Amino acid sequence: MPAKIVEDNSIQTHILIKFVGFSIALFTLPLLTYYWTLKNWFSGNGTIYAGIAAAVAANIVLTLYVIVAFLEKDDNSPELEKKQQ
């Protein structure tokens, strides 16, 4: 007997909130880091170092997003389907 395929195209709210939050952080955090470090740490002449700090900030946000994605429960997992039956 073929397995049932259930198509659910609705996007769960918590997933959308995480995505929007990380997208905003990925856009704003590197910019804020660049200008803050340029003004406060490198006295206006360290654009390369401020750029590196911004790149590190972007990588931190991306790493956190991947970690959160791996720790998220999978609603379509076989274990969950067995528990629901």
PDB file of N, CA and C in Angstrom:
ATOM      1  N   MET A   1       0.854  -1.167   0.000  1.00  0.00           N
ATOM      2  CA  MET A   1       0.000   0.000   0.000  1.00  0.00           C
ATOM      3  C   MET A   1       0.908   1.240   0.000  1.00  0.00           C
ATOM      4  N   PRO A   2       0.674   2.172  -0.922  1.00  0.00           N
ATOM      5  CA  PRO A   2       1.518   3.369  -0.952  1.00  0.00           C
ATOM      6  C   PRO A   2       1.285   4.258   0.254  1.00  0.00           C
ATOM      7  N   ALA A   3       2.318   4.949   0.632  1.00  0.00           N
ATOM      8  CA  ALA A   3       2.223   5.854   1.785  1.00  0.00           C
ATOM      9  C   ALA A   3       1.359   7.057   1.433  1.00  0.00           C
ATOM     10  N   LYS A   4       0.681   7.573   2.456  1.00  0.00           N
ATOM     11  CA  LYS A   4      -0.149   8.762   2.268  1.00  0.00           C
ATOM     12  C   LYS A   4       0.749   9.986   2.132  1.00  0.00           C
ATOM     13  N   ILE A   5       0.443  10.795   1.180  1.00  0.00           N
ATOM     14  CA  ILE A   5       1.163  12.052   1.025  1.00  0.00           C
ATOM     15  C   ILE A   5       0.202  13.171   1.372  1.00  0.00           C
ATOM     16  N   VAL A   6       0.540  13.880   2.409  1.00  0.00           N
ATOM     17  CA  VAL A   6      -0.293  14.990   2.851  1.00  0.00           C
ATOM     18  C   VAL A   6       0.409  16.272   2.450  1.00  0.00           C
ATOM     19  N   GLU A   7      -0.279  17.070   1.655  1.00  0.00           N
ATOM     20  CA  GLU A   7       0.303  18.339   1.235  1.00  0.00           C
ATOM     21  C   GLU A   7      -0.301  19.456   2.063  1.00  0.00           C
ATOM     22  N   ASP A   8       0.551  20.116   2.801  1.00  0.00           N
ATOM     23  CA  ASP A   8       0.124  21.243   3.619  1.00  0.00           C
ATOM     24  C   ASP A   8       1.007  22.423   3.251  1.00  0.00           C
ATOM     25  N   ASN A   9       0.444  23.355   2.522  1.00  0.00           N
ATOM     26  CA  ASN A   9       1.228  24.488   2.037  1.00  0.00           C
ATOM     27  C   ASN A   9       1.219  25.668   2.988  1.00  0.00           C
ATOM     28  N   SER A  10       0.607  25.531   4.137  1.00  0.00           N
ATOM     29  CA  SER A  10       0.568  26.650   5.072  1.00  0.00           C
ATOM     30  C   SER A  10       1.921  26.787   5.772  1.00  0.00           C
ATOM     31  N   ILE A  11       2.325  28.012   5.953  1.00  0.00           N
ATOM     32  CA  ILE A  11       3.587  28.297   6.636  1.00  0.00           C
ATOM     33  C   ILE A  11       3.286  28.536   8.104  1.00  0.00           C
ATOM     34  N   GLN A  12       3.996  27.844   8.963  1.00  0.00           N
ATOM     35  CA  GLN A  12       3.763  28.018  10.389  1.00  0.00           C
ATOM     36  C   GLN A  12       4.314  29.364  10.835  1.00  0.00           C
ATOM     37  N   THR A  13       3.610  29.981  11.764  1.00  0.00           N
ATOM     38  CA  THR A  13       3.938  31.336  12.194  1.00  0.00           C
ATOM     39  C   THR A  13       5.319  31.420  12.830  1.00  0.00           C
ATOM     40  N   HIS A  14       5.660  30.483  13.686  1.00  0.00           N
ATOM     41  CA  HIS A  14       6.955  30.555  14.373  1.00  0.00           C
ATOM     42  C   HIS A  14       8.122  30.438  13.399  1.00  0.00           C
ATOM     43  N   ILE A  15       7.947  29.702  12.326  1.00  0.00           N
ATOM     44  CA  ILE A  15       9.008  29.596  11.323  1.00  0.00           C
ATOM     45  C   ILE A  15       9.179  30.920  10.592  1.00  0.00           C
ATOM     46  N   LEU A  16       8.068  31.545  10.258  1.00  0.00           N
ATOM     47  CA  LEU A  16       8.124  32.832   9.574  1.00  0.00           C
ATOM     48  C   LEU A  16       8.740  33.911  10.460  1.00  0.00           C
ATOM     49  N   ILE A  17       8.408  33.892  11.750  1.00  0.00           N
ATOM     50  CA  ILE A  17       8.972  34.874  12.685  1.00  0.00           C
ATOM     51  C   ILE A  17      10.486  34.689  12.809  1.00  0.00           C
ATOM     52  N   LYS A  18      10.945  33.438  12.907  1.00  0.00           N
ATOM     53  CA  LYS A  18      12.391  33.177  12.972  1.00  0.00           C
ATOM     54  C   LYS A  18      13.091  33.667  11.711  1.00  0.00           C
ATOM     55  N   PHE A  19      12.491  33.369  10.565  1.00  0.00           N
ATOM     56  CA  PHE A  19      13.107  33.763   9.301  1.00  0.00           C
ATOM     57  C   PHE A  19      13.204  35.279   9.176  1.00  0.00           C
ATOM     58  N   VAL A  20      12.126  35.977   9.488  1.00  0.00           N
ATOM     59  CA  VAL A  20      12.134  37.441   9.402  1.00  0.00           C
ATOM     60  C   VAL A  20      13.119  38.027  10.413  1.00  0.00           C
ATOM     61  N   GLY A  21      13.141  37.498  11.622  1.00  0.00           N
ATOM     62  CA  GLY A  21      14.063  37.991  12.643  1.00  0.00           C
ATOM     63  C   GLY A  21      15.520  37.824  12.240  1.00  0.00           C
ATOM     64  N   PHE A  22      15.868  36.642  11.742  1.00  0.00           N
ATOM     65  CA  PHE A  22      17.247  36.419  11.314  1.00  0.00           C
ATOM     66  C   PHE A  22      17.585  37.234  10.067  1.00  0.00           C
ATOM     67  N   SER A  23      16.607  37.446   9.188  1.00  0.00           N
ATOM     68  CA  SER A  23      16.855  38.277   8.005  1.00  0.00           C
ATOM     69  C   SER A  23      17.150  39.716   8.396  1.00  0.00           C
ATOM     70  N   ILE A  24      16.373  40.242   9.328  1.00  0.00           N
ATOM     71  CA  ILE A  24      16.616  41.605   9.807  1.00  0.00           C
ATOM     72  C   ILE A  24      17.979  41.692  10.491  1.00  0.00           C
ATOM     73  N   ALA A  25      18.294  40.687  11.314  1.00  0.00           N
ATOM     74  CA  ALA A  25      19.593  40.682  11.997  1.00  0.00           C
ATOM     75  C   ALA A  25      20.741  40.582  11.000  1.00  0.00           C
ATOM     76  N   LEU A  26      20.558  39.786   9.954  1.00  0.00           N
ATOM     77  CA  LEU A  26      21.612  39.626   8.962  1.00  0.00           C
ATOM     78  C   LEU A  26      21.833  40.904   8.167  1.00  0.00           C
ATOM     79  N   PHE A  27      20.810  41.715   8.038  1.00  0.00           N
ATOM     80  CA  PHE A  27      20.951  42.984   7.331  1.00  0.00           C
ATOM     81  C   PHE A  27      21.511  44.081   8.233  1.00  0.00           C
ATOM     82  N   THR A  28      20.986  44.181   9.451  1.00  0.00           N
ATOM     83  CA  THR A  28      21.330  45.328  10.294  1.00  0.00           C
ATOM     84  C   THR A  28      22.598  45.126  11.128  1.00  0.00           C
ATOM     85  N   LEU A  29      22.805  43.944  11.663  1.00  0.00           N
ATOM     86  CA  LEU A  29      23.935  43.731  12.567  1.00  0.00           C
ATOM     87  C   LEU A  29      25.302  43.996  11.918  1.00  0.00           C
ATOM     88  N   PRO A  30      25.559  43.504  10.711  1.00  0.00           N
ATOM     89  CA  PRO A  30      26.855  43.842  10.101  1.00  0.00           C
ATOM     90  C   PRO A  30      27.021  45.339   9.829  1.00  0.00           C
ATOM     91  N   LEU A  31      25.954  46.011   9.416  1.00  0.00           N
ATOM     92  CA  LEU A  31      26.050  47.459   9.190  1.00  0.00           C
ATOM     93  C   LEU A  31      26.337  48.207  10.483  1.00  0.00           C
ATOM     94  N   LEU A  32      25.598  47.859  11.524  1.00  0.00           N
ATOM     95  CA  LEU A  32      25.831  48.505  12.816  1.00  0.00           C
ATOM     96  C   LEU A  32      27.232  48.210  13.337  1.00  0.00           C
ATOM     97  N   THR A  33      27.666  46.974  13.176  1.00  0.00           N
ATOM     98  CA  THR A  33      29.007  46.596  13.616  1.00  0.00           C
ATOM     99  C   THR A  33      30.070  47.373  12.852  1.00  0.00           C
ATOM    100  N   TYR A  34      29.893  47.508  11.559  1.00  0.00           N
ATOM    101  CA  TYR A  34      30.869  48.236  10.741  1.00  0.00           C
ATOM    102  C   TYR A  34      31.014  49.679  11.211  1.00  0.00           C
ATOM    103  N   TYR A  35      29.896  50.379  11.290  1.00  0.00           N
ATOM    104  CA  TYR A  35      29.976  51.798  11.641  1.00  0.00           C
ATOM    105  C   TYR A  35      30.370  52.019  13.102  1.00  0.00           C
ATOM    106  N   TRP A  36      29.927  51.133  13.989  1.00  0.00           N
ATOM    107  CA  TRP A  36      30.281  51.285  15.402  1.00  0.00           C
ATOM    108  C   TRP A  36      31.773  51.052  15.619  1.00  0.00           C
ATOM    109  N   THR A  37      32.295  49.976  15.017  1.00  0.00           N
ATOM    110  CA  THR A  37      33.729  49.707  15.194  1.00  0.00           C
ATOM    111  C   THR A  37      34.580  50.749  14.482  1.00  0.00           C
ATOM    112  N   LEU A  38      34.104  51.242  13.346  1.00  0.00           N
ATOM    113  CA  LEU A  38      34.854  52.275  12.625  1.00  0.00           C
ATOM    114  C   LEU A  38      34.956  53.555  13.446  1.00  0.00           C
ATOM    115  N   LYS A  39      33.874  53.889  14.133  1.00  0.00           N
ATOM    116  CA  LYS A  39      33.860  55.130  14.918  1.00  0.00           C
ATOM    117  C   LYS A  39      34.572  54.972  16.266  1.00  0.00           C
ATOM    118  N   ASN A  40      34.312  53.882  16.973  1.00  0.00           N
ATOM    119  CA  ASN A  40      34.772  53.742  18.354  1.00  0.00           C
ATOM    120  C   ASN A  40      36.110  53.018  18.514  1.00  0.00           C
ATOM    121  N   TRP A  41      36.438  52.098  17.643  1.00  0.00           N
ATOM    122  CA  TRP A  41      37.655  51.314  17.832  1.00  0.00           C
ATOM    123  C   TRP A  41      38.781  51.713  16.895  1.00  0.00           C
ATOM    124  N   PHE A  42      38.435  52.049  15.672  1.00  0.00           N
ATOM    125  CA  PHE A  42      39.485  52.239  14.669  1.00  0.00           C
ATOM    126  C   PHE A  42      39.644  53.688  14.229  1.00  0.00           C
ATOM    127  N   SER A  43      38.995  54.611  14.855  1.00  0.00           N
ATOM    128  CA  SER A  43      39.168  56.060  14.665  1.00  0.00           C
ATOM    129  C   SER A  43      39.081  56.526  13.214  1.00  0.00           C
ATOM    130  N   GLY A  44      38.222  55.931  12.438  1.00  0.00           N
ATOM    131  CA  GLY A  44      37.982  56.413  11.086  1.00  0.00           C
ATOM    132  C   GLY A  44      38.952  55.949  10.025  1.00  0.00           C
ATOM    133  N   ASN A  45      40.060  55.350  10.382  1.00  0.00           N
ATOM    134  CA  ASN A  45      41.054  54.929   9.389  1.00  0.00           C
ATOM    135  C   ASN A  45      41.124  53.417   9.205  1.00  0.00           C
ATOM    136  N   GLY A  46      40.365  52.693   9.945  1.00  0.00           N
ATOM    137  CA  GLY A  46      40.465  51.241   9.899  1.00  0.00           C
ATOM    138  C   GLY A  46      39.313  50.594   9.168  1.00  0.00           C
ATOM    139  N   THR A  47      39.067  51.011   7.919  1.00  0.00           N
ATOM    140  CA  THR A  47      37.921  50.460   7.195  1.00  0.00           C
ATOM    141  C   THR A  47      38.058  48.966   6.949  1.00  0.00           C
ATOM    142  N   ILE A  48      39.270  48.499   6.757  1.00  0.00           N
ATOM    143  CA  ILE A  48      39.464  47.065   6.537  1.00  0.00           C
ATOM    144  C   ILE A  48      39.105  46.288   7.797  1.00  0.00           C
ATOM    145  N   TYR A  49      39.547  46.774   8.943  1.00  0.00           N
ATOM    146  CA  TYR A  49      39.256  46.084  10.200  1.00  0.00           C
ATOM    147  C   TYR A  49      37.768  46.157  10.535  1.00  0.00           C
ATOM    148  N   ALA A  50      37.144  47.277  10.246  1.00  0.00           N
ATOM    149  CA  ALA A  50      35.707  47.396  10.478  1.00  0.00           C
ATOM    150  C   ALA A  50      34.940  46.466   9.541  1.00  0.00           C
ATOM    151  N   GLY A  51      35.416  46.321   8.319  1.00  0.00           N
ATOM    152  CA  GLY A  51      34.802  45.383   7.376  1.00  0.00           C
ATOM    153  C   GLY A  51      34.941  43.945   7.827  1.00  0.00           C
ATOM    154  N   ILE A  52      36.083  43.619   8.379  1.00  0.00           N
ATOM    155  CA  ILE A  52      36.288  42.270   8.917  1.00  0.00           C
ATOM    156  C   ILE A  52      35.353  42.028  10.096  1.00  0.00           C
ATOM    157  N   ALA A  53      35.198  43.022  10.956  1.00  0.00           N
ATOM    158  CA  ALA A  53      34.276  42.888  12.090  1.00  0.00           C
ATOM    159  C   ALA A  53      32.842  42.694  11.605  1.00  0.00           C
ATOM    160  N   ALA A  54      32.457  43.397  10.543  1.00  0.00           N
ATOM    161  CA  ALA A  54      31.113  43.240   9.986  1.00  0.00           C
ATOM    162  C   ALA A  54      30.930  41.848   9.387  1.00  0.00           C
ATOM    163  N   ALA A  55      31.952  41.336   8.723  1.00  0.00           N
ATOM    164  CA  ALA A  55      31.880  39.985   8.161  1.00  0.00           C
ATOM    165  C   ALA A  55      31.765  38.940   9.262  1.00  0.00           C
ATOM    166  N   VAL A  56      32.484  39.140  10.353  1.00  0.00           N
ATOM    167  CA  VAL A  56      32.385  38.224  11.499  1.00  0.00           C
ATOM    168  C   VAL A  56      30.976  38.267  12.083  1.00  0.00           C
ATOM    169  N   ALA A  57      30.398  39.454  12.182  1.00  0.00           N
ATOM    170  CA  ALA A  57      29.030  39.581  12.702  1.00  0.00           C
ATOM    171  C   ALA A  57      28.039  38.853  11.800  1.00  0.00           C
ATOM    172  N   ALA A  58      28.206  38.970  10.484  1.00  0.00           N
ATOM    173  CA  ALA A  58      27.319  38.269   9.551  1.00  0.00           C
ATOM    174  C   ALA A  58      27.470  36.756   9.690  1.00  0.00           C
ATOM    175  N   ASN A  59      28.696  36.288   9.860  1.00  0.00           N
ATOM    176  CA  ASN A  59      28.919  34.850  10.028  1.00  0.00           C
ATOM    177  C   ASN A  59      28.338  34.337  11.334  1.00  0.00           C
ATOM    178  N   ILE A  60      28.368  35.137  12.369  1.00  0.00           N
ATOM    179  CA  ILE A  60      27.761  34.739  13.646  1.00  0.00           C
ATOM    180  C   ILE A  60      26.256  34.583  13.486  1.00  0.00           C
ATOM    181  N   VAL A  61      25.619  35.528  12.798  1.00  0.00           N
ATOM    182  CA  VAL A  61      24.171  35.441  12.579  1.00  0.00           C
ATOM    183  C   VAL A  61      23.835  34.195  11.760  1.00  0.00           C
ATOM    184  N   LEU A  62      24.595  33.933  10.708  1.00  0.00           N
ATOM    185  CA  LEU A  62      24.344  32.747   9.887  1.00  0.00           C
ATOM    186  C   LEU A  62      24.553  31.456  10.671  1.00  0.00           C
ATOM    187  N   THR A  63      25.583  31.412  11.488  1.00  0.00           N
ATOM    188  CA  THR A  63      25.838  30.229  12.310  1.00  0.00           C
ATOM    189  C   THR A  63      24.706  29.993  13.299  1.00  0.00           C
ATOM    190  N   LEU A  64      24.234  31.059  13.922  1.00  0.00           N
ATOM    191  CA  LEU A  64      23.107  30.921  14.846  1.00  0.00           C
ATOM    192  C   LEU A  64      21.856  30.443  14.130  1.00  0.00           C
ATOM    193  N   TYR A  65      21.626  30.906  12.906  1.00  0.00           N
ATOM    194  CA  TYR A  65      20.465  30.463  12.134  1.00  0.00           C
ATOM    195  C   TYR A  65      20.548  28.970  11.840  1.00  0.00           C
ATOM    196  N   VAL A  66      21.722  28.499  11.466  1.00  0.00           N
ATOM    197  CA  VAL A  66      21.897  27.075  11.183  1.00  0.00           C
ATOM    198  C   VAL A  66      21.689  26.247  12.445  1.00  0.00           C
ATOM    199  N   ILE A  67      22.214  26.707  13.577  1.00  0.00           N
ATOM    200  CA  ILE A  67      22.040  25.987  14.840  1.00  0.00           C
ATOM    201  C   ILE A  67      20.567  25.914  15.216  1.00  0.00           C
ATOM    202  N   VAL A  68      19.861  27.029  15.097  1.00  0.00           N
ATOM    203  CA  VAL A  68      18.428  27.045  15.416  1.00  0.00           C
ATOM    204  C   VAL A  68      17.669  26.118  14.470  1.00  0.00           C
ATOM    205  N   ALA A  69      18.049  26.076  13.208  1.00  0.00           N
ATOM    206  CA  ALA A  69      17.378  25.204  12.244  1.00  0.00           C
ATOM    207  C   ALA A  69      17.602  23.732  12.580  1.00  0.00           C
ATOM    208  N   PHE A  70      18.799  23.379  13.009  1.00  0.00           N
ATOM    209  CA  PHE A  70      19.059  21.991  13.374  1.00  0.00           C
ATOM    210  C   PHE A  70      18.341  21.586  14.656  1.00  0.00           C
ATOM    211  N   LEU A  71      18.172  22.504  15.577  1.00  0.00           N
ATOM    212  CA  LEU A  71      17.521  22.183  16.845  1.00  0.00           C
ATOM    213  C   LEU A  71      16.002  22.210  16.758  1.00  0.00           C
ATOM    214  N   GLU A  72      15.477  22.714  15.653  1.00  0.00           N
ATOM    215  CA  GLU A  72      14.031  22.818  15.487  1.00  0.00           C
ATOM    216  C   GLU A  72      13.426  21.432  15.301  1.00  0.00           C
ATOM    217  N   LYS A  73      12.253  21.241  15.884  1.00  0.00           N
ATOM    218  CA  LYS A  73      11.564  19.964  15.733  1.00  0.00           C
ATOM    219  C   LYS A  73      11.016  19.854  14.319  1.00  0.00           C
ATOM    220  N   ASP A  74      11.086  18.643  13.767  1.00  0.00           N
ATOM    221  CA  ASP A  74      10.551  18.385  12.437  1.00  0.00           C
ATOM    222  C   ASP A  74       9.128  17.870  12.588  1.00  0.00           C
ATOM    223  N   ASP A  75       8.164  18.629  12.099  1.00  0.00           N
ATOM    224  CA  ASP A  75       6.762  18.248  12.246  1.00  0.00           C
ATOM    225  C   ASP A  75       6.378  17.076  11.357  1.00  0.00           C
ATOM    226  N   ASN A  76       7.189  16.728  10.381  1.00  0.00           N
ATOM    227  CA  ASN A  76       6.879  15.638   9.467  1.00  0.00           C
ATOM    228  C   ASN A  76       7.698  14.385   9.756  1.00  0.00           C
ATOM    229  N   SER A  77       8.309  14.320  10.917  1.00  0.00           N
ATOM    230  CA  SER A  77       9.164  13.181  11.226  1.00  0.00           C
ATOM    231  C   SER A  77       8.330  11.922  11.459  1.00  0.00           C
ATOM    232  N   PRO A  78       8.874  10.745  11.126  1.00  0.00           N
ATOM    233  CA  PRO A  78       8.143   9.494  11.324  1.00  0.00           C
ATOM    234  C   PRO A  78       7.808   9.221  12.789  1.00  0.00           C
ATOM    235  N   GLU A  79       8.682   9.641  13.720  1.00  0.00           N
ATOM    236  CA  GLU A  79       8.406   9.410  15.135  1.00  0.00           C
ATOM    237  C   GLU A  79       7.159  10.173  15.573  1.00  0.00           C
ATOM    238  N   LEU A  80       7.006  11.386  15.079  1.00  0.00           N
ATOM    239  CA  LEU A  80       5.851  12.197  15.434  1.00  0.00           C
ATOM    240  C   LEU A  80       4.579  11.603  14.851  1.00  0.00           C
ATOM    241  N   GLU A  81       4.651  11.072  13.629  1.00  0.00           N
ATOM    242  CA  GLU A  81       3.483  10.463  13.009  1.00  0.00           C
ATOM    243  C   GLU A  81       3.056   9.211  13.767  1.00  0.00           C
ATOM    244  N   LYS A  82       4.026   8.435  14.277  1.00  0.00           N
ATOM    245  CA  LYS A  82       3.694   7.238  15.047  1.00  0.00           C
ATOM    246  C   LYS A  82       3.024   7.603  16.362  1.00  0.00           C
ATOM    247  N   LYS A  83       3.474   8.683  16.997  1.00  0.00           N
ATOM    248  CA  LYS A  83       2.881   9.114  18.258  1.00  0.00           C
ATOM    249  C   LYS A  83       1.453   9.605  18.064  1.00  0.00           C
ATOM    250  N   GLN A  84       1.170  10.186  16.910  1.00  0.00           N
ATOM    251  CA  GLN A  84      -0.161  10.723  16.662  1.00  0.00           C
ATOM    252  C   GLN A  84      -1.165   9.623  16.370  1.00  0.00           C
ATOM    253  N   GLN A  85      -0.709   8.438  15.970  1.00  0.00           N
ATOM    254  CA  GLN A  85      -1.632   7.346  15.636  1.00  0.00           C
ATOM    255  C   GLN A  85      -2.107   6.612  16.839  1.00  0.00           C
TER     256      GLN A  85
END
